[in-house]
Amino acid sequence: MAWLYKPSRRFGQVMWSVTGRLTITGQEAMPPYGPLLVASNHLSLNDAGTLVVALPRQVVFLAKKELWEKPIGRFYCNAVGAVPLDRDRGGGEALRYALAALQEDKAILMFPEGRISPTSQLQRGRTGLAWLALKTQAPILPVGIAGTEKFASWHMPVPLASWQVNIGTPFTPPFVEGPITKHLLTSVTDMVMERIAALLPESYRGDYADALRPSPRQVTNTL
């Protein structure tokens, strides 16, 4: 039961209005109800708390199971209703939970990179979110975070920093009849990651920066 979710949101709203500056754009794009997959880049342990405050609708986090190993992490994850994801085993149990939750019109949040980026630049995405999207046809909401890597997680109540959340436009991958192939999963994953990259400053785009640069022909046509 996510009994601490709303108090955490309110706490962040109040504290950060005094001790930090969180800039949020695109909140109006988040559907207020219905099944939804939220896909965000992952810069630090500060991302989860940031998204609790930034997203206008409550979400269920699929988080790495290692966060449950320490008492404080276990307490907070359980209190905000997070679900442990076993990355070593492909996350099957968490994905099955997400599948059922989407059928109940819940919003599921995933970090497709599968880990905190060691460089703060966008890493190649894993295919779990794409599988859920293709299986359920739930809309995907891309989100770009920048700046949460600037301060340590223990410093989050008083960050004394500026950081940003940019919420994009939801989209649904094309419906495809037949089996969900590896090629299809990769294609949809790239689609998701490129949309996240488009919401980030260029220095954060990492593996997907080239996909967003105009081709030489496009540059020539604009001259």
C-alpha atoms as a PDB file:
ATOM      1  CA  MET A   1       0.000   0.000   0.000  1.00  0.00           C
ATOM      2  CA  ALA A   2       1.495   3.319  -1.117  1.00  0.00           C
ATOM      3  CA  TRP A   3       0.646   5.244   2.058  1.00  0.00           C
ATOM      4  CA  LEU A   4       3.702   7.523   1.806  1.00  0.00           C
ATOM      5  CA  TYR A   5       3.285   8.473  -1.866  1.00  0.00           C
ATOM      6  CA  LYS A   6       1.104  11.560  -1.469  1.00  0.00           C
ATOM      7  CA  PRO A   7       2.897  12.829   1.669  1.00  0.00           C
ATOM      8  CA  SER A   8       6.228  12.489  -0.202  1.00  0.00           C
ATOM      9  CA  ARG A   9       4.808  14.491  -3.090  1.00  0.00           C
ATOM     10  CA  ARG A  10       3.602  17.259  -0.832  1.00  0.00           C
ATOM     11  CA  PHE A  11       6.860  17.297   1.133  1.00  0.00           C
ATOM     12  CA  GLY A  12       8.874  17.681  -2.059  1.00  0.00           C
ATOM     13  CA  GLN A  13       6.632  20.436  -3.363  1.00  0.00           C
ATOM     14  CA  VAL A  14       7.023  22.450  -0.158  1.00  0.00           C
ATOM     15  CA  MET A  15      10.711  21.814   0.545  1.00  0.00           C
ATOM     16  CA  TRP A  16      11.970  22.307  -2.986  1.00  0.00           C
ATOM     17  CA  SER A  17      10.105  25.564  -3.376  1.00  0.00           C
ATOM     18  CA  VAL A  18      12.464  26.857  -0.667  1.00  0.00           C
ATOM     19  CA  THR A  19      15.658  24.795  -0.953  1.00  0.00           C
ATOM     20  CA  GLY A  20      15.871  24.050  -4.669  1.00  0.00           C
ATOM     21  CA  ARG A  21      14.394  24.792  -8.049  1.00  0.00           C
ATOM     22  CA  LEU A  22      12.636  21.985  -9.881  1.00  0.00           C
ATOM     23  CA  THR A  23      11.365  23.091 -13.294  1.00  0.00           C
ATOM     24  CA  ILE A  24       8.587  20.926 -14.730  1.00  0.00           C
ATOM     25  CA  THR A  25       7.178  21.208 -18.240  1.00  0.00           C
ATOM     26  CA  GLY A  26       4.453  19.229 -19.974  1.00  0.00           C
ATOM     27  CA  GLN A  27       2.411  18.076 -16.964  1.00  0.00           C
ATOM     28  CA  GLU A  28      -0.777  18.647 -18.927  1.00  0.00           C
ATOM     29  CA  ALA A  29       0.287  15.922 -21.401  1.00  0.00           C
ATOM     30  CA  MET A  30      -0.033  13.107 -18.850  1.00  0.00           C
ATOM     31  CA  PRO A  31      -3.373  11.285 -19.272  1.00  0.00           C
ATOM     32  CA  PRO A  32      -5.316  11.557 -15.978  1.00  0.00           C
ATOM     33  CA  TYR A  33      -6.640   7.996 -16.154  1.00  0.00           C
ATOM     34  CA  GLY A  34      -6.354   4.752 -18.097  1.00  0.00           C
ATOM     35  CA  PRO A  35      -3.403   2.378 -18.546  1.00  0.00           C
ATOM     36  CA  LEU A  36      -0.105   4.168 -19.046  1.00  0.00           C
ATOM     37  CA  LEU A  37       3.593   3.330 -19.335  1.00  0.00           C
ATOM     38  CA  VAL A  38       5.893   6.132 -18.204  1.00  0.00           C
ATOM     39  CA  ALA A  39       9.438   5.855 -19.598  1.00  0.00           C
ATOM     40  CA  SER A  40      12.231   8.012 -18.183  1.00  0.00           C
ATOM     41  CA  ASN A  41      15.988   8.273 -18.374  1.00  0.00           C
ATOM     42  CA  HIS A  42      17.848   7.454 -15.142  1.00  0.00           C
ATOM     43  CA  LEU A  43      20.554   9.709 -13.709  1.00  0.00           C
ATOM     44  CA  SER A  44      20.564   9.059  -9.954  1.00  0.00           C
ATOM     45  CA  LEU A  45      18.655   7.805  -6.929  1.00  0.00           C
ATOM     46  CA  ASN A  46      17.040  11.248  -6.859  1.00  0.00           C
ATOM     47  CA  ASP A  47      14.969  10.422  -9.954  1.00  0.00           C
ATOM     48  CA  ALA A  48      12.229   8.495  -8.150  1.00  0.00           C
ATOM     49  CA  GLY A  49      11.487  11.270  -5.653  1.00  0.00           C
ATOM     50  CA  THR A  50      11.676  13.853  -8.418  1.00  0.00           C
ATOM     51  CA  LEU A  51       9.080  12.002 -10.483  1.00  0.00           C
ATOM     52  CA  VAL A  52       6.768  11.557  -7.496  1.00  0.00           C
ATOM     53  CA  VAL A  53       6.635  15.363  -7.340  1.00  0.00           C
ATOM     54  CA  ALA A  54       6.742  16.114 -11.071  1.00  0.00           C
ATOM     55  CA  LEU A  55       4.111  13.693 -12.362  1.00  0.00           C
ATOM     56  CA  PRO A  56       0.540  14.856 -11.686  1.00  0.00           C
ATOM     57  CA  ARG A  57      -0.724  11.273 -11.458  1.00  0.00           C
ATOM     58  CA  GLN A  58       0.361   8.527  -9.071  1.00  0.00           C
ATOM     59  CA  VAL A  59       2.543   5.876 -10.681  1.00  0.00           C
ATOM     60  CA  VAL A  60       3.817   2.435  -9.711  1.00  0.00           C
ATOM     61  CA  PHE A  61       7.618   2.205  -9.873  1.00  0.00           C
ATOM     62  CA  LEU A  62       9.324  -0.900 -11.174  1.00  0.00           C
ATOM     63  CA  ALA A  63      12.625  -0.588  -9.292  1.00  0.00           C
ATOM     64  CA  LYS A  64      15.708  -2.771  -9.085  1.00  0.00           C
ATOM     65  CA  LYS A  65      15.380  -5.339  -6.294  1.00  0.00           C
ATOM     66  CA  GLU A  66      18.727  -4.262  -4.810  1.00  0.00           C
ATOM     67  CA  LEU A  67      16.983  -1.190  -3.348  1.00  0.00           C
ATOM     68  CA  TRP A  68      15.204  -3.532  -0.919  1.00  0.00           C
ATOM     69  CA  GLU A  69      18.486  -4.841   0.538  1.00  0.00           C
ATOM     70  CA  LYS A  70      18.968  -1.926   2.955  1.00  0.00           C
ATOM     71  CA  PRO A  71      16.345  -1.150   5.632  1.00  0.00           C
ATOM     72  CA  ILE A  72      15.826   2.491   4.603  1.00  0.00           C
ATOM     73  CA  GLY A  73      15.494   1.598   0.929  1.00  0.00           C
ATOM     74  CA  ARG A  74      13.135  -1.267   1.689  1.00  0.00           C
ATOM     75  CA  PHE A  75      10.977   0.954   3.907  1.00  0.00           C
ATOM     76  CA  TYR A  76      10.680   3.763   1.347  1.00  0.00           C
ATOM     77  CA  CYS A  77      10.109   1.489  -1.660  1.00  0.00           C
ATOM     78  CA  ASN A  78       7.335  -0.369   0.128  1.00  0.00           C
ATOM     79  CA  ALA A  79       5.821   2.854   1.454  1.00  0.00           C
ATOM     80  CA  VAL A  80       5.486   4.404  -2.014  1.00  0.00           C
ATOM     81  CA  GLY A  81       4.224   1.158  -3.579  1.00  0.00           C
ATOM     82  CA  ALA A  82       7.286   0.271  -5.675  1.00  0.00           C
ATOM     83  CA  VAL A  83       7.646  -3.235  -7.127  1.00  0.00           C
ATOM     84  CA  PRO A  84      11.027  -5.060  -7.119  1.00  0.00           C
ATOM     85  CA  LEU A  85      12.463  -5.872 -10.530  1.00  0.00           C
ATOM     86  CA  ASP A  86      14.987  -8.731 -10.757  1.00  0.00           C
ATOM     87  CA  ARG A  87      17.138  -7.663 -13.680  1.00  0.00           C
ATOM     88  CA  ASP A  88      19.321 -10.782 -13.538  1.00  0.00           C
ATOM     89  CA  ARG A  89      16.304 -12.974 -14.291  1.00  0.00           C
ATOM     90  CA  GLY A  90      14.787 -10.726 -16.913  1.00  0.00           C
ATOM     91  CA  GLY A  91      12.274  -9.122 -14.550  1.00  0.00           C
ATOM     92  CA  GLY A  92       9.563 -11.658 -15.370  1.00  0.00           C
ATOM     93  CA  GLU A  93       7.689 -11.403 -12.079  1.00  0.00           C
ATOM     94  CA  ALA A  94       7.632  -7.604 -12.101  1.00  0.00           C
ATOM     95  CA  LEU A  95       6.536  -7.561 -15.748  1.00  0.00           C
ATOM     96  CA  ARG A  96       3.662  -9.906 -14.935  1.00  0.00           C
ATOM     97  CA  TYR A  97       2.642  -7.569 -12.126  1.00  0.00           C
ATOM     98  CA  ALA A  98       2.839  -4.605 -14.521  1.00  0.00           C
ATOM     99  CA  LEU A  99       0.724  -6.460 -17.070  1.00  0.00           C
ATOM    100  CA  ALA A 100      -2.016  -6.994 -14.481  1.00  0.00           C
ATOM    101  CA  ALA A 101      -1.726  -3.407 -13.205  1.00  0.00           C
ATOM    102  CA  LEU A 102      -2.137  -1.982 -16.708  1.00  0.00           C
ATOM    103  CA  GLN A 103      -5.308  -4.030 -17.085  1.00  0.00           C
ATOM    104  CA  GLU A 104      -6.521  -2.217 -13.960  1.00  0.00           C
ATOM    105  CA  ASP A 105      -5.815   1.165 -15.629  1.00  0.00           C
ATOM    106  CA  LYS A 106      -2.777   1.966 -13.476  1.00  0.00           C
ATOM    107  CA  ALA A 107       0.258   3.966 -14.550  1.00  0.00           C
ATOM    108  CA  ILE A 108       3.564   2.052 -14.505  1.00  0.00           C
ATOM    109  CA  LEU A 109       6.911   3.852 -14.451  1.00  0.00           C
ATOM    110  CA  MET A 110      10.055   2.208 -15.797  1.00  0.00           C
ATOM    111  CA  PHE A 111      13.614   3.291 -16.482  1.00  0.00           C
ATOM    112  CA  PRO A 112      14.296   1.473 -19.786  1.00  0.00           C
ATOM    113  CA  GLU A 113      18.063   1.820 -19.393  1.00  0.00           C
ATOM    114  CA  GLY A 114      17.763  -0.655 -16.529  1.00  0.00           C
ATOM    115  CA  ARG A 115      20.311   1.145 -14.352  1.00  0.00           C
ATOM    116  CA  ILE A 116      21.623   4.569 -13.412  1.00  0.00           C
ATOM    117  CA  SER A 117      23.672   5.948 -16.271  1.00  0.00           C
ATOM    118  CA  PRO A 118      27.339   6.037 -15.228  1.00  0.00           C
ATOM    119  CA  THR A 119      27.982   9.018 -17.530  1.00  0.00           C
ATOM    120  CA  SER A 120      24.667  10.904 -17.161  1.00  0.00           C
ATOM    121  CA  GLN A 121      24.167  10.278 -20.876  1.00  0.00           C
ATOM    122  CA  LEU A 122      21.344   8.143 -22.233  1.00  0.00           C
ATOM    123  CA  GLN A 123      22.281   4.450 -22.491  1.00  0.00           C
ATOM    124  CA  ARG A 124      20.835   1.788 -24.761  1.00  0.00           C
ATOM    125  CA  GLY A 125      17.329   0.798 -23.655  1.00  0.00           C
ATOM    126  CA  ARG A 126      16.210  -2.660 -22.551  1.00  0.00           C
ATOM    127  CA  THR A 127      13.130  -4.206 -24.105  1.00  0.00           C
ATOM    128  CA  GLY A 128      10.826  -4.861 -21.120  1.00  0.00           C
ATOM    129  CA  LEU A 129       8.795  -1.684 -21.563  1.00  0.00           C
ATOM    130  CA  ALA A 130       8.425  -2.305 -25.291  1.00  0.00           C
ATOM    131  CA  TRP A 131       7.110  -5.809 -24.567  1.00  0.00           C
ATOM    132  CA  LEU A 132       4.477  -4.401 -22.191  1.00  0.00           C
ATOM    133  CA  ALA A 133       3.467  -1.744 -24.711  1.00  0.00           C
ATOM    134  CA  LEU A 134       3.086  -4.235 -27.543  1.00  0.00           C
ATOM    135  CA  LYS A 135       1.273  -6.708 -25.314  1.00  0.00           C
ATOM    136  CA  THR A 136      -1.244  -4.207 -23.933  1.00  0.00           C
ATOM    137  CA  GLN A 137      -1.248  -1.307 -26.431  1.00  0.00           C
ATOM    138  CA  ALA A 138      -0.987   0.997 -23.405  1.00  0.00           C
ATOM    139  CA  PRO A 139       0.158   4.528 -24.303  1.00  0.00           C
ATOM    140  CA  ILE A 140       3.775   5.404 -23.536  1.00  0.00           C
ATOM    141  CA  LEU A 141       4.647   8.724 -21.898  1.00  0.00           C
ATOM    142  CA  PRO A 142       8.310   9.720 -22.449  1.00  0.00           C
ATOM    143  CA  VAL A 143       9.979  11.785 -19.744  1.00  0.00           C
ATOM    144  CA  GLY A 144      13.376  13.474 -19.731  1.00  0.00           C
ATOM    145  CA  ILE A 145      15.199  14.320 -16.490  1.00  0.00           C
ATOM    146  CA  ALA A 146      18.255  16.575 -16.297  1.00  0.00           C
ATOM    147  CA  GLY A 147      20.257  17.676 -13.264  1.00  0.00           C
ATOM    148  CA  THR A 148      19.402  15.090 -10.571  1.00  0.00           C
ATOM    149  CA  GLU A 149      22.979  13.850 -10.750  1.00  0.00           C
ATOM    150  CA  LYS A 150      24.205  17.189  -9.383  1.00  0.00           C
ATOM    151  CA  PHE A 151      23.459  16.395  -5.725  1.00  0.00           C
ATOM    152  CA  ALA A 152      23.748  13.304  -3.507  1.00  0.00           C
ATOM    153  CA  SER A 153      20.607  11.397  -2.529  1.00  0.00           C
ATOM    154  CA  TRP A 154      21.142  12.172   1.173  1.00  0.00           C
ATOM    155  CA  HIS A 155      21.064  15.856   0.215  1.00  0.00           C
ATOM    156  CA  MET A 156      17.726  15.607  -1.572  1.00  0.00           C
ATOM    157  CA  PRO A 157      15.513  17.264   1.117  1.00  0.00           C
ATOM    158  CA  VAL A 158      17.726  20.368   0.807  1.00  0.00           C
ATOM    159  CA  PRO A 159      19.219  20.065  -2.695  1.00  0.00           C
ATOM    160  CA  LEU A 160      20.313  23.695  -3.183  1.00  0.00           C
ATOM    161  CA  ALA A 161      20.374  22.994  -6.919  1.00  0.00           C
ATOM    162  CA  SER A 162      18.351  23.395 -10.084  1.00  0.00           C
ATOM    163  CA  TRP A 163      17.054  20.432 -12.067  1.00  0.00           C
ATOM    164  CA  GLN A 164      14.417  19.771 -14.702  1.00  0.00           C
ATOM    165  CA  VAL A 165      11.721  17.322 -15.750  1.00  0.00           C
ATOM    166  CA  ASN A 166      10.359  17.537 -19.287  1.00  0.00           C
ATOM    167  CA  ILE A 167       7.211  15.489 -19.916  1.00  0.00           C
ATOM    168  CA  GLY A 168       6.563  14.604 -23.540  1.00  0.00           C
ATOM    169  CA  THR A 169       3.513  13.608 -25.574  1.00  0.00           C
ATOM    170  CA  PRO A 170       2.067  10.113 -25.050  1.00  0.00           C
ATOM    171  CA  PHE A 171       2.084   7.770 -28.021  1.00  0.00           C
ATOM    172  CA  THR A 172       1.091   4.193 -28.781  1.00  0.00           C
ATOM    173  CA  PRO A 173       3.317   1.837 -30.773  1.00  0.00           C
ATOM    174  CA  PRO A 174       1.755   0.476 -33.969  1.00  0.00           C
ATOM    175  CA  PHE A 175      -0.407  -2.605 -33.574  1.00  0.00           C
ATOM    176  CA  VAL A 176       1.315  -5.633 -35.054  1.00  0.00           C
ATOM    177  CA  GLU A 177      -0.354  -8.991 -35.592  1.00  0.00           C
ATOM    178  CA  GLY A 178       1.625 -12.138 -34.948  1.00  0.00           C
ATOM    179  CA  PRO A 179       4.474 -12.893 -32.556  1.00  0.00           C
ATOM    180  CA  ILE A 180       6.476 -10.231 -30.776  1.00  0.00           C
ATOM    181  CA  THR A 181       9.909 -10.687 -32.311  1.00  0.00           C
ATOM    182  CA  LYS A 182      13.286  -9.489 -31.055  1.00  0.00           C
ATOM    183  CA  HIS A 183      13.516  -7.127 -34.030  1.00  0.00           C
ATOM    184  CA  LEU A 184      10.126  -5.618 -33.173  1.00  0.00           C
ATOM    185  CA  LEU A 185      11.086  -5.171 -29.505  1.00  0.00           C
ATOM    186  CA  THR A 186      14.313  -3.433 -30.498  1.00  0.00           C
ATOM    187  CA  SER A 187      12.498  -1.163 -32.940  1.00  0.00           C
ATOM    188  CA  VAL A 188       9.899  -0.048 -30.371  1.00  0.00           C
ATOM    189  CA  THR A 189      12.582   0.370 -27.706  1.00  0.00           C
ATOM    190  CA  ASP A 190      14.566   2.653 -29.995  1.00  0.00           C
ATOM    191  CA  MET A 191      11.397   4.624 -30.698  1.00  0.00           C
ATOM    192  CA  VAL A 192      10.858   5.145 -26.959  1.00  0.00           C
ATOM    193  CA  MET A 193      14.474   6.052 -26.265  1.00  0.00           C
ATOM    194  CA  GLU A 194      14.647   8.548 -29.119  1.00  0.00           C
ATOM    195  CA  ARG A 195      11.573  10.308 -27.765  1.00  0.00           C
ATOM    196  CA  ILE A 196      13.160  10.481 -24.327  1.00  0.00           C
ATOM    197  CA  ALA A 197      16.358  11.820 -25.922  1.00  0.00           C
ATOM    198  CA  ALA A 198      14.383  14.556 -27.679  1.00  0.00           C
ATOM    199  CA  LEU A 199      13.258  15.810 -24.246  1.00  0.00           C
ATOM    200  CA  LEU A 200      16.832  16.096 -22.958  1.00  0.00           C
ATOM    201  CA  PRO A 201      19.562  18.706 -23.433  1.00  0.00           C
ATOM    202  CA  GLU A 202      21.907  17.571 -26.201  1.00  0.00           C
ATOM    203  CA  SER A 203      24.708  16.742 -23.754  1.00  0.00           C
ATOM    204  CA  TYR A 204      22.479  14.094 -22.100  1.00  0.00           C
ATOM    205  CA  ARG A 205      21.372  12.262 -25.254  1.00  0.00           C
ATOM    206  CA  GLY A 206      24.243   9.782 -25.351  1.00  0.00           C
ATOM    207  CA  ASP A 207      23.629   6.740 -27.568  1.00  0.00           C
ATOM    208  CA  TYR A 208      20.635   8.419 -29.199  1.00  0.00           C
ATOM    209  CA  ALA A 209      22.196  11.786 -30.040  1.00  0.00           C
ATOM    210  CA  ASP A 210      22.962  10.841 -33.648  1.00  0.00           C
ATOM    211  CA  ALA A 211      19.361   9.805 -34.309  1.00  0.00           C
ATOM    212  CA  LEU A 212      18.194  13.348 -33.539  1.00  0.00           C
ATOM    213  CA  ARG A 213      20.781  15.214 -35.570  1.00  0.00           C
ATOM    214  CA  PRO A 214      19.558  16.452 -38.971  1.00  0.00           C
ATOM    215  CA  SER A 215      20.976  14.650 -41.973  1.00  0.00           C
ATOM    216  CA  PRO A 216      23.274  16.585 -44.357  1.00  0.00           C
ATOM    217  CA  ARG A 217      20.415  16.747 -46.857  1.00  0.00           C
ATOM    218  CA  GLN A 218      18.092  18.303 -44.276  1.00  0.00           C
ATOM    219  CA  VAL A 219      20.723  20.874 -43.361  1.00  0.00           C
ATOM    220  CA  THR A 220      21.274  21.735 -47.052  1.00  0.00           C
ATOM    221  CA  ASN A 221      17.533  22.183 -47.625  1.00  0.00           C
ATOM    222  CA  THR A 222      17.332  24.722 -44.818  1.00  0.00           C
ATOM    223  CA  LEU A 223      20.083  26.921 -46.250  1.00  0.00           C
END
